[in-house]
């Protein structure tokens, strides 16, 4: 299973977040919207992730709270979790493990 994260917003906002939230350093890699100048749900953002991290969409889980983003990644054949209730995220992830 591959791990990646997306952050909407300016790069400057995210730049120091890893110090406040150390778990961000545990990701294999990050694509930051503001830094890449890409906006969801554009397919280009997900294609960048596929190429940069050598992802196999059918083996990669995308978690997002926005239905339009889930619809976009479904078209690219990613596995998806539409996060509508954060309290059950562990249960949702376990479906793919």
PDB file of N, CA and C in Angstrom:
ATOM      1  N   UNK A   1       0.844  -1.166   0.000  1.00  0.00           N
ATOM      2  CA  UNK A   1       0.000   0.000   0.000  1.00  0.00           C
ATOM      3  C   UNK A   1       0.895   1.236   0.000  1.00  0.00           C
ATOM      4  N   UNK A   2       0.599   2.185  -0.847  1.00  0.00           N
ATOM      5  CA  UNK A   2       1.363   3.430  -0.943  1.00  0.00           C
ATOM      6  C   UNK A   2       0.755   4.492  -0.051  1.00  0.00           C
ATOM      7  N   UNK A   3       1.585   5.446   0.368  1.00  0.00           N
ATOM      8  CA  UNK A   3       1.117   6.507   1.234  1.00  0.00           C
ATOM      9  C   UNK A   3       1.462   7.846   0.608  1.00  0.00           C
ATOM     10  N   UNK A   4       0.489   8.729   0.554  1.00  0.00           N
ATOM     11  CA  UNK A   4       0.743  10.087   0.089  1.00  0.00           C
ATOM     12  C   UNK A   4      -0.237  11.017   0.761  1.00  0.00           C
ATOM     13  N   UNK A   5       0.052  12.284   0.730  1.00  0.00           N
ATOM     14  CA  UNK A   5      -0.804  13.269   1.377  1.00  0.00           C
ATOM     15  C   UNK A   5      -0.979  14.467   0.469  1.00  0.00           C
ATOM     16  N   UNK A   6      -2.122  15.089   0.557  1.00  0.00           N
ATOM     17  CA  UNK A   6      -2.398  16.313  -0.197  1.00  0.00           C
ATOM     18  C   UNK A   6      -2.786  17.384   0.790  1.00  0.00           C
ATOM     19  N   UNK A   7      -2.312  18.555   0.571  1.00  0.00           N
ATOM     20  CA  UNK A   7      -2.679  19.688   1.422  1.00  0.00           C
ATOM     21  C   UNK A   7      -3.098  20.837   0.519  1.00  0.00           C
ATOM     22  N   UNK A   8      -4.300  21.304   0.679  1.00  0.00           N
ATOM     23  CA  UNK A   8      -4.761  22.461  -0.068  1.00  0.00           C
ATOM     24  C   UNK A   8      -4.248  23.701   0.643  1.00  0.00           C
ATOM     25  N   UNK A   9      -3.831  24.667  -0.112  1.00  0.00           N
ATOM     26  CA  UNK A   9      -3.418  25.923   0.490  1.00  0.00           C
ATOM     27  C   UNK A   9      -2.020  26.309   0.066  1.00  0.00           C
ATOM     28  N   UNK A  10      -1.603  27.462   0.509  1.00  0.00           N
ATOM     29  CA  UNK A  10      -0.296  27.963   0.113  1.00  0.00           C
ATOM     30  C   UNK A  10       0.835  27.132   0.706  1.00  0.00           C
ATOM     31  N   UNK A  11       1.908  27.022  -0.039  1.00  0.00           N
ATOM     32  CA  UNK A  11       3.083  26.282   0.405  1.00  0.00           C
ATOM     33  C   UNK A  11       3.619  26.852   1.709  1.00  0.00           C
ATOM     34  N   UNK A  12       3.593  28.151   1.843  1.00  0.00           N
ATOM     35  CA  UNK A  12       4.121  28.789   3.041  1.00  0.00           C
ATOM     36  C   UNK A  12       3.394  28.316   4.300  1.00  0.00           C
ATOM     37  N   UNK A  13       2.099  28.040   4.182  1.00  0.00           N
ATOM     38  CA  UNK A  13       1.315  27.558   5.316  1.00  0.00           C
ATOM     39  C   UNK A  13       1.764  26.154   5.713  1.00  0.00           C
ATOM     40  N   UNK A  14       2.026  25.327   4.738  1.00  0.00           N
ATOM     41  CA  UNK A  14       2.369  23.935   5.002  1.00  0.00           C
ATOM     42  C   UNK A  14       3.835  23.751   5.385  1.00  0.00           C
ATOM     43  N   UNK A  15       4.660  24.647   4.936  1.00  0.00           N
ATOM     44  CA  UNK A  15       6.111  24.504   5.050  1.00  0.00           C
ATOM     45  C   UNK A  15       6.600  24.151   6.452  1.00  0.00           C
ATOM     46  N   UNK A  16       5.995  24.666   7.472  1.00  0.00           N
ATOM     47  CA  UNK A  16       6.431  24.410   8.842  1.00  0.00           C
ATOM     48  C   UNK A  16       5.535  23.411   9.588  1.00  0.00           C
ATOM     49  N   UNK A  17       4.581  22.844   8.911  1.00  0.00           N
ATOM     50  CA  UNK A  17       3.625  21.949   9.563  1.00  0.00           C
ATOM     51  C   UNK A  17       4.267  20.668  10.077  1.00  0.00           C
ATOM     52  N   UNK A  18       5.346  20.213   9.451  1.00  0.00           N
ATOM     53  CA  UNK A  18       5.960  18.966   9.888  1.00  0.00           C
ATOM     54  C   UNK A  18       6.556  19.075  11.293  1.00  0.00           C
ATOM     55  N   UNK A  19       6.862  20.278  11.710  1.00  0.00           N
ATOM     56  CA  UNK A  19       7.370  20.458  13.075  1.00  0.00           C
ATOM     57  C   UNK A  19       6.225  20.408  14.087  1.00  0.00           C
ATOM     58  N   UNK A  20       5.091  20.941  13.708  1.00  0.00           N
ATOM     59  CA  UNK A  20       3.919  20.925  14.576  1.00  0.00           C
ATOM     60  C   UNK A  20       3.251  19.546  14.577  1.00  0.00           C
ATOM     61  N   UNK A  21       3.285  18.881  13.426  1.00  0.00           N
ATOM     62  CA  UNK A  21       2.661  17.565  13.269  1.00  0.00           C
ATOM     63  C   UNK A  21       3.703  16.571  12.761  1.00  0.00           C
ATOM     64  N   UNK A  22       4.509  15.994  13.656  1.00  0.00           N
ATOM     65  CA  UNK A  22       5.608  15.118  13.254  1.00  0.00           C
ATOM     66  C   UNK A  22       5.194  13.907  12.419  1.00  0.00           C
ATOM     67  N   UNK A  23       3.935  13.467  12.514  1.00  0.00           N
ATOM     68  CA  UNK A  23       3.509  12.311  11.724  1.00  0.00           C
ATOM     69  C   UNK A  23       3.660  12.565  10.230  1.00  0.00           C
ATOM     70  N   UNK A  24       3.687  13.823   9.814  1.00  0.00           N
ATOM     71  CA  UNK A  24       3.842  14.134   8.388  1.00  0.00           C
ATOM     72  C   UNK A  24       5.178  13.644   7.841  1.00  0.00           C
ATOM     73  N   UNK A  25       6.154  13.496   8.700  1.00  0.00           N
ATOM     74  CA  UNK A  25       7.466  12.997   8.277  1.00  0.00           C
ATOM     75  C   UNK A  25       7.475  11.492   8.033  1.00  0.00           C
ATOM     76  N   UNK A  26       6.388  10.826   8.341  1.00  0.00           N
ATOM     77  CA  UNK A  26       6.312   9.380   8.156  1.00  0.00           C
ATOM     78  C   UNK A  26       5.815   8.985   6.772  1.00  0.00           C
ATOM     79  N   UNK A  27       5.326   9.953   5.996  1.00  0.00           N
ATOM     80  CA  UNK A  27       4.860   9.647   4.649  1.00  0.00           C
ATOM     81  C   UNK A  27       6.034   9.327   3.741  1.00  0.00           C
ATOM     82  N   UNK A  28       5.808   8.456   2.770  1.00  0.00           N
ATOM     83  CA  UNK A  28       6.826   8.147   1.765  1.00  0.00           C
ATOM     84  C   UNK A  28       7.134   9.373   0.919  1.00  0.00           C
ATOM     85  N   UNK A  29       6.153  10.227   0.748  1.00  0.00           N
ATOM     86  CA  UNK A  29       6.322  11.439  -0.034  1.00  0.00           C
ATOM     87  C   UNK A  29       5.080  12.292   0.074  1.00  0.00           C
ATOM     88  N   UNK A  30       5.217  13.531  -0.279  1.00  0.00           N
ATOM     89  CA  UNK A  30       4.101  14.476  -0.200  1.00  0.00           C
ATOM     90  C   UNK A  30       3.979  15.239  -1.509  1.00  0.00           C
ATOM     91  N   UNK A  31       2.759  15.530  -1.875  1.00  0.00           N
ATOM     92  CA  UNK A  31       2.484  16.472  -2.953  1.00  0.00           C
ATOM     93  C   UNK A  31       1.663  17.582  -2.323  1.00  0.00           C
ATOM     94  N   UNK A  32       2.219  18.769  -2.302  1.00  0.00           N
ATOM     95  CA  UNK A  32       1.571  19.916  -1.684  1.00  0.00           C
ATOM     96  C   UNK A  32       0.985  20.777  -2.797  1.00  0.00           C
ATOM     97  N   UNK A  33      -0.323  20.947  -2.768  1.00  0.00           N
ATOM     98  CA  UNK A  33      -1.017  21.676  -3.831  1.00  0.00           C
ATOM     99  C   UNK A  33      -0.395  23.027  -4.121  1.00  0.00           C
ATOM    100  N   UNK A  34      -0.171  23.805  -3.068  1.00  0.00           N
ATOM    101  CA  UNK A  34       0.365  25.152  -3.256  1.00  0.00           C
ATOM    102  C   UNK A  34       1.741  25.160  -3.889  1.00  0.00           C
ATOM    103  N   UNK A  35       2.577  24.202  -3.527  1.00  0.00           N
ATOM    104  CA  UNK A  35       3.927  24.121  -4.065  1.00  0.00           C
ATOM    105  C   UNK A  35       3.915  23.680  -5.526  1.00  0.00           C
ATOM    106  N   UNK A  36       3.059  22.731  -5.863  1.00  0.00           N
ATOM    107  CA  UNK A  36       2.983  22.190  -7.223  1.00  0.00           C
ATOM    108  C   UNK A  36       2.105  23.030  -8.139  1.00  0.00           C
ATOM    109  N   UNK A  37       1.351  23.950  -7.549  1.00  0.00           N
ATOM    110  CA  UNK A  37       0.417  24.791  -8.298  1.00  0.00           C
ATOM    111  C   UNK A  37      -0.625  23.947  -9.051  1.00  0.00           C
ATOM    112  N   UNK A  38      -1.126  22.944  -8.343  1.00  0.00           N
ATOM    113  CA  UNK A  38      -2.159  22.062  -8.861  1.00  0.00           C
ATOM    114  C   UNK A  38      -3.338  22.093  -7.895  1.00  0.00           C
ATOM    115  N   UNK A  39      -4.529  21.961  -8.431  1.00  0.00           N
ATOM    116  CA  UNK A  39      -5.744  22.037  -7.625  1.00  0.00           C
ATOM    117  C   UNK A  39      -6.598  20.802  -7.862  1.00  0.00           C
ATOM    118  N   UNK A  40      -7.145  20.245  -6.784  1.00  0.00           N
ATOM    119  CA  UNK A  40      -8.092  19.142  -6.900  1.00  0.00           C
ATOM    120  C   UNK A  40      -9.379  19.665  -7.521  1.00  0.00           C
ATOM    121  N   UNK A  41     -10.158  18.859  -8.163  1.00  0.00           N
ATOM    122  CA  UNK A  41      -9.947  17.444  -8.449  1.00  0.00           C
ATOM    123  C   UNK A  41      -9.276  17.201  -9.802  1.00  0.00           C
ATOM    124  N   UNK A  42      -8.436  18.102 -10.258  1.00  0.00           N
ATOM    125  CA  UNK A  42      -7.802  17.947 -11.559  1.00  0.00           C
ATOM    126  C   UNK A  42      -7.012  16.651 -11.648  1.00  0.00           C
ATOM    127  N   UNK A  43      -7.189  15.962 -12.749  1.00  0.00           N
ATOM    128  CA  UNK A  43      -6.526  14.692 -12.988  1.00  0.00           C
ATOM    129  C   UNK A  43      -5.000  14.860 -12.985  1.00  0.00           C
ATOM    130  N   UNK A  44      -4.496  16.019 -13.397  1.00  0.00           N
ATOM    131  CA  UNK A  44      -3.045  16.251 -13.462  1.00  0.00           C
ATOM    132  C   UNK A  44      -2.375  16.003 -12.116  1.00  0.00           C
ATOM    133  N   UNK A  45      -3.033  16.349 -11.052  1.00  0.00           N
ATOM    134  CA  UNK A  45      -2.465  16.161  -9.715  1.00  0.00           C
ATOM    135  C   UNK A  45      -2.271  14.687  -9.408  1.00  0.00           C
ATOM    136  N   UNK A  46      -3.234  13.883  -9.747  1.00  0.00           N
ATOM    137  CA  UNK A  46      -3.142  12.459  -9.479  1.00  0.00           C
ATOM    138  C   UNK A  46      -2.168  11.784 -10.443  1.00  0.00           C
ATOM    139  N   UNK A  47      -2.119  12.250 -11.677  1.00  0.00           N
ATOM    140  CA  UNK A  47      -1.133  11.717 -12.615  1.00  0.00           C
ATOM    141  C   UNK A  47       0.286  12.036 -12.152  1.00  0.00           C
ATOM    142  N   UNK A  48       0.487  13.208 -11.553  1.00  0.00           N
ATOM    143  CA  UNK A  48       1.787  13.553 -10.985  1.00  0.00           C
ATOM    144  C   UNK A  48       2.150  12.571  -9.873  1.00  0.00           C
ATOM    145  N   UNK A  49       1.204  12.262  -9.025  1.00  0.00           N
ATOM    146  CA  UNK A  49       1.450  11.307  -7.941  1.00  0.00           C
ATOM    147  C   UNK A  49       1.790   9.926  -8.497  1.00  0.00           C
ATOM    148  N   UNK A  50       1.079   9.499  -9.516  1.00  0.00           N
ATOM    149  CA  UNK A  50       1.347   8.196 -10.130  1.00  0.00           C
ATOM    150  C   UNK A  50       2.780   8.142 -10.638  1.00  0.00           C
ATOM    151  N   UNK A  51       3.193   9.176 -11.361  1.00  0.00           N
ATOM    152  CA  UNK A  51       4.535   9.153 -11.947  1.00  0.00           C
ATOM    153  C   UNK A  51       5.631   9.394 -10.904  1.00  0.00           C
ATOM    154  N   UNK A  52       5.433  10.317  -9.995  1.00  0.00           N
ATOM    155  CA  UNK A  52       6.471  10.654  -9.013  1.00  0.00           C
ATOM    156  C   UNK A  52       6.738   9.505  -8.046  1.00  0.00           C
ATOM    157  N   UNK A  53       5.691   8.804  -7.641  1.00  0.00           N
ATOM    158  CA  UNK A  53       5.837   7.755  -6.641  1.00  0.00           C
ATOM    159  C   UNK A  53       5.690   6.346  -7.209  1.00  0.00           C
ATOM    160  N   UNK A  54       5.644   6.259  -8.553  1.00  0.00           N
ATOM    161  CA  UNK A  54       5.490   4.950  -9.211  1.00  0.00           C
ATOM    162  C   UNK A  54       4.305   4.173  -8.644  1.00  0.00           C
ATOM    163  N   UNK A  55       3.184   4.855  -8.520  1.00  0.00           N
ATOM    164  CA  UNK A  55       1.996   4.245  -7.934  1.00  0.00           C
ATOM    165  C   UNK A  55       1.283   3.346  -8.928  1.00  0.00           C
ATOM    166  N   UNK A  56       0.676   2.322  -8.406  1.00  0.00           N
ATOM    167  CA  UNK A  56      -0.242   1.481  -9.158  1.00  0.00           C
ATOM    168  C   UNK A  56      -1.615   1.823  -8.593  1.00  0.00           C
ATOM    169  N   UNK A  57      -2.436   2.559  -9.351  1.00  0.00           N
ATOM    170  CA  UNK A  57      -3.719   3.024  -8.792  1.00  0.00           C
ATOM    171  C   UNK A  57      -4.552   1.927  -8.144  1.00  0.00           C
ATOM    172  N   UNK A  58      -4.573   0.747  -8.745  1.00  0.00           N
ATOM    173  CA  UNK A  58      -5.377  -0.346  -8.196  1.00  0.00           C
ATOM    174  C   UNK A  58      -4.850  -0.856  -6.856  1.00  0.00           C
ATOM    175  N   UNK A  59      -3.658  -0.411  -6.465  1.00  0.00           N
ATOM    176  CA  UNK A  59      -3.066  -0.818  -5.192  1.00  0.00           C
ATOM    177  C   UNK A  59      -2.854   0.366  -4.251  1.00  0.00           C
ATOM    178  N   UNK A  60      -3.430   1.511  -4.588  1.00  0.00           N
ATOM    179  CA  UNK A  60      -3.216   2.740  -3.830  1.00  0.00           C
ATOM    180  C   UNK A  60      -4.550   3.271  -3.322  1.00  0.00           C
ATOM    181  N   UNK A  61      -4.617   3.551  -2.027  1.00  0.00           N
ATOM    182  CA  UNK A  61      -5.836   4.063  -1.414  1.00  0.00           C
ATOM    183  C   UNK A  61      -5.748   5.583  -1.302  1.00  0.00           C
ATOM    184  N   UNK A  62      -6.770   6.251  -1.783  1.00  0.00           N
ATOM    185  CA  UNK A  62      -6.912   7.701  -1.645  1.00  0.00           C
ATOM    186  C   UNK A  62      -8.037   7.952  -0.645  1.00  0.00           C
ATOM    187  N   UNK A  63      -7.763   8.788   0.335  1.00  0.00           N
ATOM    188  CA  UNK A  63      -8.774   9.166   1.332  1.00  0.00           C
ATOM    189  C   UNK A  63      -9.072  10.636   1.139  1.00  0.00           C
ATOM    190  N   UNK A  64     -10.348  10.957   0.997  1.00  0.00           N
ATOM    191  CA  UNK A  64     -10.732  12.353   0.798  1.00  0.00           C
ATOM    192  C   UNK A  64     -12.138  12.565   1.316  1.00  0.00           C
ATOM    193  N   UNK A  65     -12.395  13.768   1.800  1.00  0.00           N
ATOM    194  CA  UNK A  65     -13.731  14.071   2.311  1.00  0.00           C
ATOM    195  C   UNK A  65     -14.640  14.664   1.244  1.00  0.00           C
ATOM    196  N   UNK A  66     -14.094  15.018   0.097  1.00  0.00           N
ATOM    197  CA  UNK A  66     -14.908  15.643  -0.953  1.00  0.00           C
ATOM    198  C   UNK A  66     -15.299  14.625  -2.010  1.00  0.00           C
ATOM    199  N   UNK A  67     -16.583  14.527  -2.228  1.00  0.00           N
ATOM    200  CA  UNK A  67     -17.111  13.542  -3.170  1.00  0.00           C
ATOM    201  C   UNK A  67     -16.552  13.737  -4.579  1.00  0.00           C
ATOM    202  N   UNK A  68     -16.391  14.986  -5.027  1.00  0.00           N
ATOM    203  CA  UNK A  68     -15.887  15.219  -6.387  1.00  0.00           C
ATOM    204  C   UNK A  68     -14.451  14.714  -6.555  1.00  0.00           C
ATOM    205  N   UNK A  69     -13.653  14.781  -5.501  1.00  0.00           N
ATOM    206  CA  UNK A  69     -12.288  14.248  -5.574  1.00  0.00           C
ATOM    207  C   UNK A  69     -12.305  12.724  -5.646  1.00  0.00           C
ATOM    208  N   UNK A  70     -13.182  12.110  -4.878  1.00  0.00           N
ATOM    209  CA  UNK A  70     -13.332  10.651  -4.913  1.00  0.00           C
ATOM    210  C   UNK A  70     -13.772  10.209  -6.306  1.00  0.00           C
ATOM    211  N   UNK A  71     -14.703  10.916  -6.908  1.00  0.00           N
ATOM    212  CA  UNK A  71     -15.162  10.573  -8.255  1.00  0.00           C
ATOM    213  C   UNK A  71     -14.022  10.667  -9.271  1.00  0.00           C
ATOM    214  N   UNK A  72     -13.179  11.675  -9.131  1.00  0.00           N
ATOM    215  CA  UNK A  72     -12.046  11.834 -10.041  1.00  0.00           C
ATOM    216  C   UNK A  72     -11.074  10.668  -9.914  1.00  0.00           C
ATOM    217  N   UNK A  73     -10.685  10.326  -8.688  1.00  0.00           N
ATOM    218  CA  UNK A  73      -9.709   9.248  -8.526  1.00  0.00           C
ATOM    219  C   UNK A  73     -10.291   7.882  -8.844  1.00  0.00           C
ATOM    220  N   UNK A  74     -11.599   7.718  -8.682  1.00  0.00           N
ATOM    221  CA  UNK A  74     -12.244   6.467  -9.095  1.00  0.00           C
ATOM    222  C   UNK A  74     -12.074   6.253 -10.591  1.00  0.00           C
ATOM    223  N   UNK A  75     -12.149   7.319 -11.366  1.00  0.00           N
ATOM    224  CA  UNK A  75     -11.970   7.216 -12.820  1.00  0.00           C
ATOM    225  C   UNK A  75     -10.559   6.772 -13.181  1.00  0.00           C
ATOM    226  N   UNK A  76      -9.605   7.065 -12.299  1.00  0.00           N
ATOM    227  CA  UNK A  76      -8.216   6.653 -12.521  1.00  0.00           C
ATOM    228  C   UNK A  76      -7.923   5.278 -11.911  1.00  0.00           C
ATOM    229  N   UNK A  77      -8.948   4.633 -11.361  1.00  0.00           N
ATOM    230  CA  UNK A  77      -8.899   3.274 -10.817  1.00  0.00           C
ATOM    231  C   UNK A  77      -8.195   3.161  -9.467  1.00  0.00           C
ATOM    232  N   UNK A  78      -8.070   4.285  -8.731  1.00  0.00           N
ATOM    233  CA  UNK A  78      -7.551   4.206  -7.373  1.00  0.00           C
ATOM    234  C   UNK A  78      -8.588   3.548  -6.470  1.00  0.00           C
ATOM    235  N   UNK A  79      -8.132   2.951  -5.394  1.00  0.00           N
ATOM    236  CA  UNK A  79      -9.016   2.515  -4.321  1.00  0.00           C
ATOM    237  C   UNK A  79      -9.341   3.772  -3.519  1.00  0.00           C
ATOM    238  N   UNK A  80     -10.547   3.878  -3.015  1.00  0.00           N
ATOM    239  CA  UNK A  80     -10.931   5.128  -2.359  1.00  0.00           C
ATOM    240  C   UNK A  80     -11.669   4.904  -1.047  1.00  0.00           C
ATOM    241  N   UNK A  81     -11.496   5.895  -0.190  1.00  0.00           N
ATOM    242  CA  UNK A  81     -12.290   6.003   1.036  1.00  0.00           C
ATOM    243  C   UNK A  81     -12.855   7.410   1.044  1.00  0.00           C
ATOM    244  N   UNK A  82     -14.176   7.496   0.981  1.00  0.00           N
ATOM    245  CA  UNK A  82     -14.833   8.800   1.096  1.00  0.00           C
ATOM    246  C   UNK A  82     -15.014   9.048   2.585  1.00  0.00           C
ATOM    247  N   UNK A  83     -14.188   9.913   3.121  1.00  0.00           N
ATOM    248  CA  UNK A  83     -14.149  10.148   4.563  1.00  0.00           C
ATOM    249  C   UNK A  83     -15.290  11.079   4.981  1.00  0.00           C
ATOM    250  N   UNK A  84     -16.367  10.475   5.431  1.00  0.00           N
ATOM    251  CA  UNK A  84     -17.506  11.255   5.909  1.00  0.00           C
ATOM    252  C   UNK A  84     -17.593  11.229   7.437  1.00  0.00           C
ATOM    253  N   UNK A  85     -16.875  10.270   8.039  1.00  0.00           N
ATOM    254  CA  UNK A  85     -16.874  10.146   9.492  1.00  0.00           C
ATOM    255  C   UNK A  85     -15.462   9.768   9.950  1.00  0.00           C
ATOM    256  N   UNK A  86     -14.674  10.740  10.410  1.00  0.00           N
ATOM    257  CA  UNK A  86     -13.292  10.464  10.810  1.00  0.00           C
ATOM    258  C   UNK A  86     -13.154   9.402  11.905  1.00  0.00           C
ATOM    259  N   UNK A  87     -14.201   9.183  12.674  1.00  0.00           N
ATOM    260  CA  UNK A  87     -14.118   8.226  13.766  1.00  0.00           C
ATOM    261  C   UNK A  87     -14.031   6.781  13.281  1.00  0.00           C
ATOM    262  N   UNK A  88     -14.368   6.525  12.020  1.00  0.00           N
ATOM    263  CA  UNK A  88     -14.302   5.153  11.506  1.00  0.00           C
ATOM    264  C   UNK A  88     -13.188   4.975  10.474  1.00  0.00           C
ATOM    265  N   UNK A  89     -12.200   5.892  10.456  1.00  0.00           N
ATOM    266  CA  UNK A  89     -11.143   5.812   9.453  1.00  0.00           C
ATOM    267  C   UNK A  89     -10.334   4.521   9.584  1.00  0.00           C
ATOM    268  N   UNK A  90     -10.064   4.080  10.798  1.00  0.00           N
ATOM    269  CA  UNK A  90      -9.306   2.840  10.974  1.00  0.00           C
ATOM    270  C   UNK A  90     -10.065   1.670  10.379  1.00  0.00           C
ATOM    271  N   UNK A  91     -11.343   1.607  10.633  1.00  0.00           N
ATOM    272  CA  UNK A  91     -12.187   0.544  10.082  1.00  0.00           C
ATOM    273  C   UNK A  91     -12.170   0.602   8.551  1.00  0.00           C
ATOM    274  N   UNK A  92     -12.253   1.794   7.998  1.00  0.00           N
ATOM    275  CA  UNK A  92     -12.248   1.946   6.542  1.00  0.00           C
ATOM    276  C   UNK A  92     -10.911   1.507   5.941  1.00  0.00           C
ATOM    277  N   UNK A  93      -9.818   1.889   6.563  1.00  0.00           N
ATOM    278  CA  UNK A  93      -8.493   1.506   6.058  1.00  0.00           C
ATOM    279  C   UNK A  93      -8.316  -0.005   6.144  1.00  0.00           C
ATOM    280  N   UNK A  94      -8.810  -0.606   7.200  1.00  0.00           N
ATOM    281  CA  UNK A  94      -8.673  -2.053   7.378  1.00  0.00           C
ATOM    282  C   UNK A  94      -9.359  -2.849   6.275  1.00  0.00           C
ATOM    283  N   UNK A  95     -10.297  -2.258   5.574  1.00  0.00           N
ATOM    284  CA  UNK A  95     -10.936  -2.934   4.434  1.00  0.00           C
ATOM    285  C   UNK A  95      -9.921  -3.254   3.336  1.00  0.00           C
ATOM    286  N   UNK A  96      -8.835  -2.489   3.284  1.00  0.00           N
ATOM    287  CA  UNK A  96      -7.859  -2.653   2.211  1.00  0.00           C
ATOM    288  C   UNK A  96      -6.586  -3.363   2.650  1.00  0.00           C
ATOM    289  N   UNK A  97      -6.492  -3.699   3.914  1.00  0.00           N
ATOM    290  CA  UNK A  97      -5.274  -4.347   4.413  1.00  0.00           C
ATOM    291  C   UNK A  97      -5.449  -5.854   4.413  1.00  0.00           C
TER     292      UNK A  97
END
